[in-house]
Amino acid sequence: MAKRWLLYYITDRTAFADDEPTRRRRLLAKIVEATRAGVDYIQLREKDLPTCELESLASEAMSIVVQLRTANQELKTALLLNSRTDVALAVAADGVHLRSDDISPKEVRSVWKRGTGTPARQLSPQDPVIGVSCHSPSEVTQAAKNGASFAVFAPVFEKKDIQPAGLEPLGEACQTKIPVLALGGVTLTNARVCLAAGASGVAAIRLFQENKVSAVVKHFRSNL
């Protein structure tokens, strides 16, 4: 049986349009598309938004994901908030994605355990999904020790003004006991070498936002 690759859509609403209402509408539509297509994780990564606006957007996004999962029990997409454990708890998100210099997954789990005891947050899952951004094999090892659910290793191929890590360090990072997803210039063409290096899947912004998500998912689920 072919391995089931993990797929992680990272959002960037600023790439959709110049005006905020259109950005928001198109982002939510893409979240619907990605959830229906069966991506494993969606990271709401709208770091420029004030807390109140981020919470509003996250609440609407989570509502969409829950409705789709309820209507179709086969859908398992998890919505994560970038760095903001407080907002994730407030909207009953599935978890968080941490920066490499963020608080540790252990700290998140401690905060989460306390937060889910309050009436306003009782719908939050008891065990959050926690992704961690990593830029070296040692950071992936540390993330695993600290209880991360998975790591995102970047940049494998490209990132503005940053030297790409390449495939060899990716392969080394993938020796840990948690799934490692490749990020940074990953395309349908070069994804195969990331998977061959040991990656459990891929994370991307443009790969999902600039293409029909169902086609991307079908490529990974059927052709690799």
N, C-alpha and C. Protein backbone atom coordinates (compact mmCIF):
# COMPACT_ATOMS: atom_id res chain seq x y z
N MET A 1 0.85 -1.20 0.00
CA MET A 1 0.00 0.00 0.00
C MET A 1 0.88 1.25 0.00
N ALA A 2 0.57 2.21 -0.86
CA ALA A 2 1.36 3.44 -0.96
C ALA A 2 1.25 4.25 0.32
N LYS A 3 2.33 4.92 0.66
CA LYS A 3 2.33 5.76 1.85
C LYS A 3 1.42 6.96 1.65
N ARG A 4 0.74 7.36 2.70
CA ARG A 4 -0.14 8.52 2.62
C ARG A 4 0.65 9.76 3.06
N TRP A 5 0.97 10.60 2.10
CA TRP A 5 1.76 11.79 2.39
C TRP A 5 0.91 12.84 3.10
N LEU A 6 1.50 13.52 4.08
CA LEU A 6 0.83 14.58 4.81
C LEU A 6 0.91 15.88 4.01
N LEU A 7 -0.20 16.60 3.95
CA LEU A 7 -0.27 17.85 3.18
C LEU A 7 -0.70 18.98 4.09
N TYR A 8 0.03 20.09 4.00
CA TYR A 8 -0.15 21.21 4.94
C TYR A 8 -0.27 22.52 4.15
N TYR A 9 -1.45 23.09 4.15
CA TYR A 9 -1.69 24.37 3.48
C TYR A 9 -1.49 25.51 4.47
N ILE A 10 -0.57 26.40 4.14
CA ILE A 10 -0.30 27.59 4.96
C ILE A 10 -0.89 28.80 4.26
N THR A 11 -1.74 29.53 4.95
CA THR A 11 -2.48 30.61 4.30
C THR A 11 -1.69 31.91 4.19
N ASP A 12 -2.06 32.69 3.18
CA ASP A 12 -1.54 34.04 3.00
C ASP A 12 -2.58 34.84 2.22
N ARG A 13 -3.51 35.43 2.93
CA ARG A 13 -4.61 36.13 2.28
C ARG A 13 -4.14 37.34 1.48
N THR A 14 -2.95 37.90 1.82
CA THR A 14 -2.48 39.10 1.12
C THR A 14 -2.16 38.82 -0.34
N ALA A 15 -2.01 37.56 -0.69
CA ALA A 15 -1.72 37.21 -2.09
C ALA A 15 -2.97 37.19 -2.96
N PHE A 16 -4.13 37.29 -2.34
CA PHE A 16 -5.38 37.17 -3.09
C PHE A 16 -5.86 38.47 -3.72
N ALA A 17 -5.75 39.58 -3.01
CA ALA A 17 -6.33 40.84 -3.51
C ALA A 17 -5.78 42.01 -2.71
N ASP A 18 -6.11 43.22 -3.17
CA ASP A 18 -5.65 44.43 -2.49
C ASP A 18 -6.59 44.86 -1.37
N ASP A 19 -7.88 44.61 -1.53
CA ASP A 19 -8.83 45.07 -0.50
C ASP A 19 -9.14 43.93 0.47
N GLU A 20 -9.29 44.28 1.73
CA GLU A 20 -9.43 43.30 2.80
C GLU A 20 -10.69 42.42 2.67
N PRO A 21 -11.85 42.96 2.35
CA PRO A 21 -13.03 42.10 2.23
C PRO A 21 -12.86 40.99 1.19
N THR A 22 -12.23 41.32 0.06
CA THR A 22 -12.01 40.31 -0.97
C THR A 22 -10.97 39.29 -0.52
N ARG A 23 -9.92 39.77 0.14
CA ARG A 23 -8.91 38.85 0.68
C ARG A 23 -9.56 37.83 1.61
N ARG A 24 -10.35 38.31 2.51
CA ARG A 24 -10.99 37.44 3.51
C ARG A 24 -11.92 36.44 2.83
N ARG A 25 -12.73 36.92 1.91
CA ARG A 25 -13.68 36.05 1.22
C ARG A 25 -12.95 34.95 0.44
N ARG A 26 -11.89 35.32 -0.26
CA ARG A 26 -11.17 34.34 -1.06
C ARG A 26 -10.39 33.36 -0.18
N LEU A 27 -9.87 33.86 0.93
CA LEU A 27 -9.16 32.97 1.85
C LEU A 27 -10.11 31.92 2.41
N LEU A 28 -11.28 32.33 2.86
CA LEU A 28 -12.23 31.39 3.42
C LEU A 28 -12.69 30.38 2.36
N ALA A 29 -12.83 30.84 1.13
CA ALA A 29 -13.19 29.93 0.04
C ALA A 29 -12.09 28.89 -0.18
N LYS A 30 -10.84 29.32 -0.07
CA LYS A 30 -9.71 28.39 -0.24
C LYS A 30 -9.67 27.39 0.91
N ILE A 31 -10.03 27.82 2.11
CA ILE A 31 -10.09 26.91 3.25
C ILE A 31 -11.18 25.86 3.04
N VAL A 32 -12.31 26.28 2.51
CA VAL A 32 -13.36 25.33 2.15
C VAL A 32 -12.83 24.32 1.14
N GLU A 33 -12.17 24.83 0.11
CA GLU A 33 -11.63 23.98 -0.95
C GLU A 33 -10.61 22.99 -0.40
N ALA A 34 -9.71 23.47 0.45
CA ALA A 34 -8.66 22.61 1.00
C ALA A 34 -9.23 21.54 1.92
N THR A 35 -10.22 21.91 2.72
CA THR A 35 -10.84 20.95 3.63
C THR A 35 -11.57 19.87 2.85
N ARG A 36 -12.33 20.29 1.87
CA ARG A 36 -13.06 19.32 1.05
C ARG A 36 -12.12 18.39 0.28
N ALA A 37 -10.96 18.93 -0.09
CA ALA A 37 -10.00 18.13 -0.85
C ALA A 37 -9.24 17.13 0.03
N GLY A 38 -9.29 17.34 1.35
CA GLY A 38 -8.68 16.39 2.26
C GLY A 38 -7.25 16.68 2.67
N VAL A 39 -6.83 17.96 2.64
CA VAL A 39 -5.50 18.26 3.18
C VAL A 39 -5.50 17.94 4.67
N ASP A 40 -4.36 17.60 5.21
CA ASP A 40 -4.30 17.18 6.61
C ASP A 40 -4.34 18.34 7.58
N TYR A 41 -3.62 19.41 7.24
CA TYR A 41 -3.54 20.56 8.14
C TYR A 41 -3.68 21.86 7.35
N ILE A 42 -4.30 22.85 8.00
CA ILE A 42 -4.31 24.21 7.48
C ILE A 42 -3.79 25.11 8.59
N GLN A 43 -2.79 25.92 8.25
CA GLN A 43 -2.28 26.89 9.22
C GLN A 43 -2.79 28.28 8.85
N LEU A 44 -3.55 28.88 9.75
CA LEU A 44 -3.99 30.26 9.55
C LEU A 44 -2.83 31.15 9.97
N ARG A 45 -2.14 31.70 8.98
CA ARG A 45 -0.87 32.41 9.22
C ARG A 45 -1.00 33.89 8.84
N GLU A 46 -2.01 34.53 9.35
CA GLU A 46 -2.25 35.94 9.02
C GLU A 46 -1.67 36.81 10.13
N LYS A 47 -0.35 36.89 10.17
CA LYS A 47 0.36 37.51 11.29
C LYS A 47 0.18 39.01 11.39
N ASP A 48 -0.26 39.65 10.30
CA ASP A 48 -0.40 41.11 10.30
C ASP A 48 -1.70 41.58 10.95
N LEU A 49 -2.62 40.68 11.19
CA LEU A 49 -3.94 41.08 11.70
C LEU A 49 -3.90 41.38 13.20
N PRO A 50 -4.59 42.43 13.64
CA PRO A 50 -4.76 42.67 15.07
C PRO A 50 -5.51 41.49 15.70
N THR A 51 -5.35 41.31 16.99
CA THR A 51 -5.91 40.15 17.66
C THR A 51 -7.41 39.99 17.43
N CYS A 52 -8.15 41.08 17.52
CA CYS A 52 -9.60 40.98 17.37
C CYS A 52 -9.99 40.52 15.97
N GLU A 53 -9.29 41.02 14.96
CA GLU A 53 -9.58 40.62 13.58
C GLU A 53 -9.13 39.19 13.31
N LEU A 54 -7.99 38.83 13.89
CA LEU A 54 -7.51 37.46 13.73
C LEU A 54 -8.48 36.48 14.37
N GLU A 55 -8.96 36.81 15.55
CA GLU A 55 -9.90 35.92 16.23
C GLU A 55 -11.20 35.78 15.44
N SER A 56 -11.66 36.89 14.86
CA SER A 56 -12.89 36.84 14.06
C SER A 56 -12.70 35.94 12.84
N LEU A 57 -11.58 36.11 12.15
CA LEU A 57 -11.30 35.30 10.97
C LEU A 57 -11.11 33.84 11.35
N ALA A 58 -10.39 33.59 12.44
CA ALA A 58 -10.14 32.23 12.89
C ALA A 58 -11.44 31.54 13.30
N SER A 59 -12.32 32.28 13.94
CA SER A 59 -13.61 31.72 14.36
C SER A 59 -14.43 31.29 13.15
N GLU A 60 -14.45 32.13 12.12
CA GLU A 60 -15.19 31.80 10.92
C GLU A 60 -14.56 30.61 10.20
N ALA A 61 -13.23 30.60 10.13
CA ALA A 61 -12.54 29.49 9.48
C ALA A 61 -12.79 28.18 10.21
N MET A 62 -12.72 28.22 11.54
CA MET A 62 -12.95 27.00 12.32
C MET A 62 -14.37 26.51 12.18
N SER A 63 -15.31 27.43 12.12
CA SER A 63 -16.71 27.07 11.92
C SER A 63 -16.90 26.34 10.60
N ILE A 64 -16.23 26.83 9.56
CA ILE A 64 -16.29 26.19 8.25
C ILE A 64 -15.73 24.78 8.31
N VAL A 65 -14.57 24.63 8.90
CA VAL A 65 -13.92 23.31 8.98
C VAL A 65 -14.79 22.33 9.76
N VAL A 66 -15.34 22.77 10.87
CA VAL A 66 -16.17 21.89 11.70
C VAL A 66 -17.43 21.48 10.94
N GLN A 67 -18.06 22.42 10.26
CA GLN A 67 -19.27 22.10 9.49
C GLN A 67 -18.97 21.06 8.41
N LEU A 68 -17.86 21.24 7.72
CA LEU A 68 -17.50 20.29 6.66
C LEU A 68 -17.16 18.92 7.22
N ARG A 69 -16.44 18.89 8.34
CA ARG A 69 -16.11 17.61 8.96
C ARG A 69 -17.35 16.90 9.51
N THR A 70 -18.30 17.68 10.01
CA THR A 70 -19.53 17.11 10.53
C THR A 70 -20.37 16.51 9.40
N ALA A 71 -20.40 17.20 8.27
CA ALA A 71 -21.19 16.74 7.13
C ALA A 71 -20.57 15.53 6.45
N ASN A 72 -19.24 15.42 6.56
CA ASN A 72 -18.52 14.31 5.93
C ASN A 72 -17.49 13.78 6.91
N GLN A 73 -17.82 12.65 7.53
CA GLN A 73 -16.95 12.10 8.58
C GLN A 73 -15.58 11.67 8.07
N GLU A 74 -15.42 11.56 6.76
CA GLU A 74 -14.13 11.17 6.20
C GLU A 74 -13.13 12.32 6.19
N LEU A 75 -13.62 13.54 6.31
CA LEU A 75 -12.74 14.71 6.31
C LEU A 75 -12.10 14.87 7.69
N LYS A 76 -10.80 15.01 7.72
CA LYS A 76 -10.06 15.07 8.99
C LYS A 76 -9.17 16.32 9.09
N THR A 77 -9.35 17.29 8.24
CA THR A 77 -8.49 18.47 8.23
C THR A 77 -8.48 19.15 9.59
N ALA A 78 -7.28 19.48 10.07
CA ALA A 78 -7.12 20.19 11.35
C ALA A 78 -6.69 21.63 11.08
N LEU A 79 -7.33 22.57 11.76
CA LEU A 79 -6.98 23.99 11.62
C LEU A 79 -6.08 24.42 12.77
N LEU A 80 -4.90 24.96 12.41
CA LEU A 80 -3.94 25.43 13.40
C LEU A 80 -3.77 26.94 13.29
N LEU A 81 -3.51 27.60 14.41
CA LEU A 81 -3.23 29.03 14.43
C LEU A 81 -1.73 29.26 14.55
N ASN A 82 -1.22 30.18 13.77
CA ASN A 82 0.20 30.48 13.83
C ASN A 82 0.54 31.18 15.14
N SER A 83 1.27 30.48 16.00
CA SER A 83 1.86 31.03 17.21
C SER A 83 0.87 31.39 18.32
N ARG A 84 -0.36 31.73 17.98
CA ARG A 84 -1.30 32.29 18.95
C ARG A 84 -2.13 31.21 19.66
N THR A 85 -1.57 30.68 20.73
CA THR A 85 -2.28 29.68 21.52
C THR A 85 -3.55 30.25 22.12
N ASP A 86 -3.51 31.52 22.51
CA ASP A 86 -4.69 32.14 23.11
C ASP A 86 -5.86 32.20 22.12
N VAL A 87 -5.57 32.61 20.90
CA VAL A 87 -6.61 32.68 19.89
C VAL A 87 -7.09 31.28 19.51
N ALA A 88 -6.16 30.34 19.42
CA ALA A 88 -6.54 28.96 19.09
C ALA A 88 -7.52 28.40 20.12
N LEU A 89 -7.26 28.66 21.38
CA LEU A 89 -8.16 28.20 22.43
C LEU A 89 -9.50 28.93 22.36
N ALA A 90 -9.45 30.22 22.09
CA ALA A 90 -10.67 31.02 22.06
C ALA A 90 -11.65 30.57 20.99
N VAL A 91 -11.13 30.07 19.85
CA VAL A 91 -12.00 29.67 18.75
C VAL A 91 -12.13 28.15 18.65
N ALA A 92 -11.60 27.43 19.65
CA ALA A 92 -11.64 25.97 19.67
C ALA A 92 -10.97 25.36 18.44
N ALA A 93 -9.83 25.93 18.06
CA ALA A 93 -9.06 25.39 16.93
C ALA A 93 -8.45 24.05 17.33
N ASP A 94 -7.91 23.36 16.34
CA ASP A 94 -7.34 22.03 16.59
C ASP A 94 -5.93 22.08 17.16
N GLY A 95 -5.29 23.24 17.07
CA GLY A 95 -3.94 23.34 17.59
C GLY A 95 -3.25 24.60 17.14
N VAL A 96 -1.92 24.59 17.23
CA VAL A 96 -1.12 25.76 16.89
C VAL A 96 0.11 25.34 16.10
N HIS A 97 0.67 26.32 15.39
CA HIS A 97 1.96 26.13 14.74
C HIS A 97 2.93 27.13 15.36
N LEU A 98 4.06 26.63 15.84
CA LEU A 98 5.02 27.46 16.56
C LEU A 98 6.22 27.83 15.70
N ARG A 99 6.72 29.05 15.90
CA ARG A 99 7.97 29.46 15.27
C ARG A 99 9.12 28.69 15.91
N SER A 100 10.27 28.72 15.26
CA SER A 100 11.44 28.02 15.81
C SER A 100 11.89 28.63 17.14
N ASP A 101 11.62 29.94 17.34
CA ASP A 101 12.03 30.63 18.57
C ASP A 101 10.85 30.87 19.49
N ASP A 102 9.77 30.14 19.31
CA ASP A 102 8.54 30.32 20.08
C ASP A 102 8.63 29.59 21.41
N ILE A 103 7.55 29.61 22.17
CA ILE A 103 7.47 28.79 23.36
C ILE A 103 7.49 27.32 22.94
N SER A 104 7.75 26.43 23.87
CA SER A 104 7.89 25.02 23.52
C SER A 104 6.52 24.34 23.44
N PRO A 105 6.45 23.23 22.70
CA PRO A 105 5.21 22.45 22.67
C PRO A 105 4.74 22.05 24.07
N LYS A 106 5.68 21.76 24.97
CA LYS A 106 5.30 21.40 26.34
C LYS A 106 4.56 22.55 27.01
N GLU A 107 5.03 23.77 26.78
CA GLU A 107 4.36 24.94 27.38
C GLU A 107 2.97 25.12 26.78
N VAL A 108 2.87 24.90 25.48
CA VAL A 108 1.55 25.00 24.84
C VAL A 108 0.59 24.00 25.45
N ARG A 109 1.02 22.78 25.64
CA ARG A 109 0.14 21.76 26.19
C ARG A 109 -0.28 22.11 27.62
N SER A 110 0.61 22.72 28.36
CA SER A 110 0.28 23.14 29.72
C SER A 110 -0.78 24.25 29.71
N VAL A 111 -0.56 25.24 28.83
CA VAL A 111 -1.53 26.33 28.70
C VAL A 111 -2.86 25.78 28.19
N TRP A 112 -2.79 24.89 27.26
CA TRP A 112 -4.00 24.31 26.65
C TRP A 112 -4.82 23.55 27.68
N LYS A 113 -4.13 22.79 28.53
CA LYS A 113 -4.81 22.01 29.55
C LYS A 113 -5.55 22.93 30.52
N ARG A 114 -4.94 24.03 30.88
CA ARG A 114 -5.59 24.98 31.77
C ARG A 114 -6.75 25.69 31.07
N GLY A 115 -6.51 26.05 29.80
CA GLY A 115 -7.51 26.81 29.06
C GLY A 115 -8.76 26.05 28.73
N THR A 116 -8.64 24.75 28.47
CA THR A 116 -9.82 23.98 28.09
C THR A 116 -10.76 23.73 29.26
N GLY A 117 -10.35 24.12 30.46
CA GLY A 117 -11.23 23.94 31.61
C GLY A 117 -12.24 25.05 31.78
N THR A 118 -12.13 26.12 31.02
CA THR A 118 -13.05 27.25 31.14
C THR A 118 -14.25 27.05 30.22
N PRO A 119 -15.42 27.53 30.61
CA PRO A 119 -16.64 27.34 29.80
C PRO A 119 -16.50 27.84 28.37
N ALA A 120 -15.83 28.97 28.18
CA ALA A 120 -15.72 29.54 26.84
C ALA A 120 -14.84 28.68 25.92
N ARG A 121 -14.02 27.82 26.51
CA ARG A 121 -13.07 27.04 25.71
C ARG A 121 -13.28 25.54 25.81
N GLN A 122 -14.42 25.12 26.33
CA GLN A 122 -14.63 23.70 26.58
C GLN A 122 -14.73 22.86 25.31
N LEU A 123 -14.93 23.53 24.15
CA LEU A 123 -15.01 22.80 22.90
C LEU A 123 -13.64 22.54 22.28
N SER A 124 -12.59 23.16 22.81
CA SER A 124 -11.25 22.94 22.27
C SER A 124 -10.84 21.49 22.50
N PRO A 125 -10.15 20.89 21.53
CA PRO A 125 -9.70 19.50 21.72
C PRO A 125 -8.77 19.39 22.91
N GLN A 126 -8.86 18.27 23.64
CA GLN A 126 -8.06 18.10 24.85
C GLN A 126 -6.57 17.97 24.54
N ASP A 127 -6.24 17.43 23.37
CA ASP A 127 -4.85 17.23 23.00
C ASP A 127 -4.58 17.98 21.69
N PRO A 128 -3.97 19.16 21.75
CA PRO A 128 -3.79 19.96 20.54
C PRO A 128 -2.77 19.38 19.58
N VAL A 129 -2.97 19.64 18.31
CA VAL A 129 -1.97 19.34 17.29
C VAL A 129 -0.96 20.49 17.32
N ILE A 130 0.32 20.17 17.40
CA ILE A 130 1.34 21.22 17.49
C ILE A 130 2.42 20.99 16.44
N GLY A 131 2.48 21.91 15.48
CA GLY A 131 3.54 21.91 14.49
C GLY A 131 4.62 22.90 14.88
N VAL A 132 5.85 22.64 14.50
CA VAL A 132 6.96 23.53 14.83
C VAL A 132 7.81 23.79 13.59
N SER A 133 8.10 25.06 13.33
CA SER A 133 9.01 25.41 12.24
C SER A 133 10.45 25.14 12.66
N CYS A 134 11.20 24.45 11.82
CA CYS A 134 12.58 24.12 12.13
C CYS A 134 13.47 24.41 10.92
N HIS A 135 14.71 24.79 11.20
CA HIS A 135 15.63 25.16 10.13
C HIS A 135 16.92 24.35 10.15
N SER A 136 16.98 23.37 11.04
CA SER A 136 18.14 22.49 11.11
C SER A 136 17.72 21.16 11.72
N PRO A 137 18.48 20.11 11.47
CA PRO A 137 18.15 18.81 12.08
C PRO A 137 18.10 18.87 13.60
N SER A 138 18.98 19.67 14.20
CA SER A 138 18.99 19.76 15.67
C SER A 138 17.70 20.38 16.20
N GLU A 139 17.15 21.34 15.47
CA GLU A 139 15.89 21.95 15.89
C GLU A 139 14.74 20.94 15.80
N VAL A 140 14.78 20.09 14.79
CA VAL A 140 13.76 19.05 14.67
C VAL A 140 13.87 18.07 15.83
N THR A 141 15.09 17.69 16.17
CA THR A 141 15.31 16.79 17.30
C THR A 141 14.76 17.38 18.58
N GLN A 142 15.00 18.68 18.79
CA GLN A 142 14.51 19.36 19.99
C GLN A 142 13.00 19.44 19.99
N ALA A 143 12.42 19.72 18.83
CA ALA A 143 10.96 19.80 18.74
C ALA A 143 10.33 18.45 19.11
N ALA A 144 10.94 17.38 18.65
CA ALA A 144 10.44 16.05 18.98
C ALA A 144 10.53 15.78 20.48
N LYS A 145 11.65 16.15 21.09
CA LYS A 145 11.83 15.96 22.53
C LYS A 145 10.81 16.76 23.33
N ASN A 146 10.42 17.91 22.80
CA ASN A 146 9.49 18.78 23.51
C ASN A 146 8.02 18.44 23.25
N GLY A 147 7.79 17.39 22.48
CA GLY A 147 6.42 16.95 22.31
C GLY A 147 5.66 17.49 21.12
N ALA A 148 6.37 17.96 20.09
CA ALA A 148 5.69 18.45 18.89
C ALA A 148 5.00 17.28 18.17
N SER A 149 3.90 17.59 17.52
CA SER A 149 3.19 16.58 16.73
C SER A 149 3.92 16.31 15.42
N PHE A 150 4.47 17.37 14.86
CA PHE A 150 5.24 17.26 13.62
C PHE A 150 6.12 18.49 13.47
N ALA A 151 7.08 18.42 12.57
CA ALA A 151 7.96 19.55 12.30
C ALA A 151 7.86 19.93 10.83
N VAL A 152 8.08 21.21 10.56
CA VAL A 152 8.16 21.71 9.19
C VAL A 152 9.59 22.19 8.97
N PHE A 153 10.30 21.54 8.05
CA PHE A 153 11.71 21.86 7.81
C PHE A 153 11.82 22.79 6.61
N ALA A 154 12.46 23.95 6.83
CA ALA A 154 12.53 24.95 5.75
C ALA A 154 13.75 25.85 5.91
N PRO A 155 14.13 26.50 4.78
CA PRO A 155 13.62 26.28 3.42
C PRO A 155 14.44 25.21 2.71
N VAL A 156 13.75 24.28 2.09
CA VAL A 156 14.45 23.22 1.39
C VAL A 156 15.05 23.73 0.08
N PHE A 157 14.23 24.43 -0.72
CA PHE A 157 14.69 24.88 -2.03
C PHE A 157 14.89 26.39 -2.14
N GLU A 158 13.96 27.16 -1.59
CA GLU A 158 14.09 28.61 -1.79
C GLU A 158 13.34 29.38 -0.73
N LYS A 159 13.87 30.56 -0.43
CA LYS A 159 13.20 31.56 0.38
C LYS A 159 13.96 32.85 0.20
N LYS A 160 13.26 33.94 0.02
CA LYS A 160 13.89 35.21 -0.27
C LYS A 160 14.93 35.57 0.78
N ASP A 161 16.14 35.86 0.31
CA ASP A 161 17.25 36.32 1.14
C ASP A 161 17.75 35.28 2.14
N ILE A 162 17.35 34.03 1.98
CA ILE A 162 17.80 32.97 2.89
C ILE A 162 18.37 31.82 2.07
N GLN A 163 19.54 31.36 2.45
CA GLN A 163 20.17 30.23 1.76
C GLN A 163 19.37 28.97 2.00
N PRO A 164 18.96 28.26 0.94
CA PRO A 164 18.19 27.03 1.15
C PRO A 164 19.02 25.96 1.84
N ALA A 165 18.35 25.14 2.64
CA ALA A 165 19.05 24.10 3.39
C ALA A 165 19.46 22.94 2.50
N GLY A 166 18.59 22.59 1.55
CA GLY A 166 18.90 21.48 0.66
C GLY A 166 18.37 20.15 1.17
N LEU A 167 18.59 19.13 0.39
CA LEU A 167 18.00 17.83 0.66
C LEU A 167 18.75 17.01 1.71
N GLU A 168 20.06 17.18 1.79
CA GLU A 168 20.82 16.38 2.75
C GLU A 168 20.42 16.67 4.20
N PRO A 169 20.36 17.97 4.61
CA PRO A 169 19.90 18.26 5.97
C PRO A 169 18.44 17.83 6.18
N LEU A 170 17.62 17.94 5.13
CA LEU A 170 16.24 17.47 5.25
C LEU A 170 16.23 15.99 5.59
N GLY A 171 17.02 15.23 4.87
CA GLY A 171 17.08 13.79 5.13
C GLY A 171 17.54 13.48 6.54
N GLU A 172 18.52 14.25 7.02
CA GLU A 172 19.00 14.06 8.40
C GLU A 172 17.91 14.38 9.40
N ALA A 173 17.17 15.46 9.14
CA ALA A 173 16.08 15.87 10.03
C ALA A 173 14.99 14.81 10.10
N CYS A 174 14.80 14.11 9.00
CA CYS A 174 13.72 13.12 8.92
C CYS A 174 14.03 11.84 9.68
N GLN A 175 15.20 11.76 10.32
CA GLN A 175 15.53 10.59 11.12
C GLN A 175 14.87 10.62 12.49
N THR A 176 14.22 11.73 12.83
CA THR A 176 13.54 11.84 14.13
C THR A 176 12.27 11.00 14.13
N LYS A 177 11.64 10.92 15.30
CA LYS A 177 10.46 10.07 15.45
C LYS A 177 9.15 10.77 15.14
N ILE A 178 9.20 12.05 14.79
CA ILE A 178 7.98 12.75 14.41
C ILE A 178 7.99 13.01 12.91
N PRO A 179 6.82 13.16 12.31
CA PRO A 179 6.78 13.48 10.87
C PRO A 179 7.46 14.81 10.59
N VAL A 180 8.17 14.88 9.48
CA VAL A 180 8.83 16.11 9.04
C VAL A 180 8.30 16.46 7.66
N LEU A 181 7.79 17.67 7.52
CA LEU A 181 7.26 18.13 6.25
C LEU A 181 8.23 19.11 5.61
N ALA A 182 8.38 19.03 4.30
CA ALA A 182 9.30 19.90 3.57
C ALA A 182 8.58 21.18 3.15
N LEU A 183 9.25 22.32 3.34
CA LEU A 183 8.69 23.63 2.99
C LEU A 183 9.77 24.47 2.31
N GLY A 184 9.34 25.29 1.37
CA GLY A 184 10.27 26.23 0.75
C GLY A 184 10.54 25.90 -0.69
N GLY A 185 9.74 26.46 -1.60
CA GLY A 185 9.93 26.21 -3.02
C GLY A 185 9.50 24.84 -3.48
N VAL A 186 8.67 24.17 -2.68
CA VAL A 186 8.21 22.83 -3.05
C VAL A 186 7.14 22.93 -4.14
N THR A 187 7.30 22.16 -5.19
CA THR A 187 6.35 22.13 -6.30
C THR A 187 5.94 20.69 -6.57
N LEU A 188 4.98 20.52 -7.47
CA LEU A 188 4.57 19.18 -7.85
C LEU A 188 5.73 18.42 -8.49
N THR A 189 6.64 19.16 -9.11
CA THR A 189 7.77 18.53 -9.80
C THR A 189 8.86 18.07 -8.84
N ASN A 190 9.24 18.93 -7.88
CA ASN A 190 10.36 18.56 -7.01
C ASN A 190 9.95 17.89 -5.70
N ALA A 191 8.67 17.78 -5.45
CA ALA A 191 8.22 17.17 -4.20
C ALA A 191 8.72 15.74 -4.06
N ARG A 192 8.83 15.04 -5.17
CA ARG A 192 9.23 13.63 -5.14
C ARG A 192 10.59 13.45 -4.45
N VAL A 193 11.54 14.36 -4.71
CA VAL A 193 12.87 14.19 -4.11
C VAL A 193 12.83 14.48 -2.61
N CYS A 194 11.90 15.34 -2.17
CA CYS A 194 11.74 15.59 -0.73
C CYS A 194 11.23 14.33 -0.04
N LEU A 195 10.28 13.68 -0.67
CA LEU A 195 9.72 12.46 -0.11
C LEU A 195 10.76 11.34 -0.12
N ALA A 196 11.56 11.31 -1.19
CA ALA A 196 12.62 10.31 -1.28
C ALA A 196 13.68 10.52 -0.20
N ALA A 197 13.86 11.79 0.22
CA ALA A 197 14.83 12.10 1.27
C ALA A 197 14.33 11.70 2.65
N GLY A 198 13.05 11.38 2.74
CA GLY A 198 12.49 10.93 4.02
C GLY A 198 11.36 11.77 4.57
N ALA A 199 11.02 12.86 3.88
CA ALA A 199 9.93 13.71 4.35
C ALA A 199 8.61 12.95 4.38
N SER A 200 7.78 13.26 5.36
CA SER A 200 6.47 12.62 5.48
C SER A 200 5.41 13.31 4.65
N GLY A 201 5.79 14.45 4.08
CA GLY A 201 4.85 15.21 3.26
C GLY A 201 5.40 16.59 2.99
N VAL A 202 4.53 17.49 2.54
CA VAL A 202 4.97 18.84 2.19
C VAL A 202 4.05 19.88 2.79
N ALA A 203 4.62 21.06 3.01
CA ALA A 203 3.88 22.24 3.45
C ALA A 203 4.13 23.33 2.43
N ALA A 204 3.13 24.14 2.16
CA ALA A 204 3.29 25.17 1.14
C ALA A 204 2.19 26.21 1.22
N ILE A 205 2.51 27.38 0.67
CA ILE A 205 1.51 28.43 0.47
C ILE A 205 1.07 28.40 -0.98
N ARG A 206 2.00 28.73 -1.87
CA ARG A 206 1.65 28.89 -3.29
C ARG A 206 1.16 27.61 -3.94
N LEU A 207 1.72 26.48 -3.55
CA LEU A 207 1.32 25.21 -4.15
C LEU A 207 -0.18 25.00 -4.03
N PHE A 208 -0.75 25.43 -2.92
CA PHE A 208 -2.18 25.26 -2.69
C PHE A 208 -2.99 26.48 -3.14
N GLN A 209 -2.47 27.66 -2.90
CA GLN A 209 -3.23 28.87 -3.22
C GLN A 209 -3.29 29.16 -4.71
N GLU A 210 -2.28 28.75 -5.45
CA GLU A 210 -2.23 29.08 -6.87
C GLU A 210 -2.70 27.92 -7.76
N ASN A 211 -3.15 26.84 -7.16
CA ASN A 211 -3.62 25.69 -7.92
C ASN A 211 -4.95 25.19 -7.35
N LYS A 212 -5.61 24.36 -8.12
CA LYS A 212 -6.81 23.71 -7.62
C LYS A 212 -6.38 22.69 -6.59
N VAL A 213 -6.84 22.85 -5.36
CA VAL A 213 -6.34 22.01 -4.27
C VAL A 213 -6.64 20.53 -4.52
N SER A 214 -7.81 20.23 -5.03
CA SER A 214 -8.15 18.83 -5.29
C SER A 214 -7.16 18.18 -6.24
N ALA A 215 -6.66 18.95 -7.22
CA ALA A 215 -5.67 18.41 -8.17
C ALA A 215 -4.34 18.16 -7.48
N VAL A 216 -3.95 19.05 -6.57
CA VAL A 216 -2.71 18.87 -5.82
C VAL A 216 -2.80 17.63 -4.94
N VAL A 217 -3.92 17.51 -4.24
CA VAL A 217 -4.11 16.36 -3.35
C VAL A 217 -4.12 15.06 -4.16
N LYS A 218 -4.80 15.07 -5.28
CA LYS A 218 -4.86 13.87 -6.12
C LYS A 218 -3.46 13.47 -6.60
N HIS A 219 -2.64 14.47 -6.93
CA HIS A 219 -1.27 14.19 -7.38
C HIS A 219 -0.49 13.45 -6.30
N PHE A 220 -0.61 13.92 -5.05
CA PHE A 220 0.14 13.30 -3.96
C PHE A 220 -0.45 11.96 -3.55
N ARG A 221 -1.75 11.88 -3.57
CA ARG A 221 -2.40 10.64 -3.11
C ARG A 221 -2.31 9.53 -4.16
N SER A 222 -2.22 9.91 -5.44
CA SER A 222 -2.30 8.90 -6.51
C SER A 222 -1.00 8.65 -7.23
N ASN A 223 -0.16 9.69 -7.36
CA ASN A 223 1.00 9.57 -8.26
C ASN A 223 2.33 9.39 -7.56
N LEU A 224 2.40 9.63 -6.28
CA LEU A 224 3.70 9.57 -5.59
C LEU A 224 3.76 8.40 -4.63
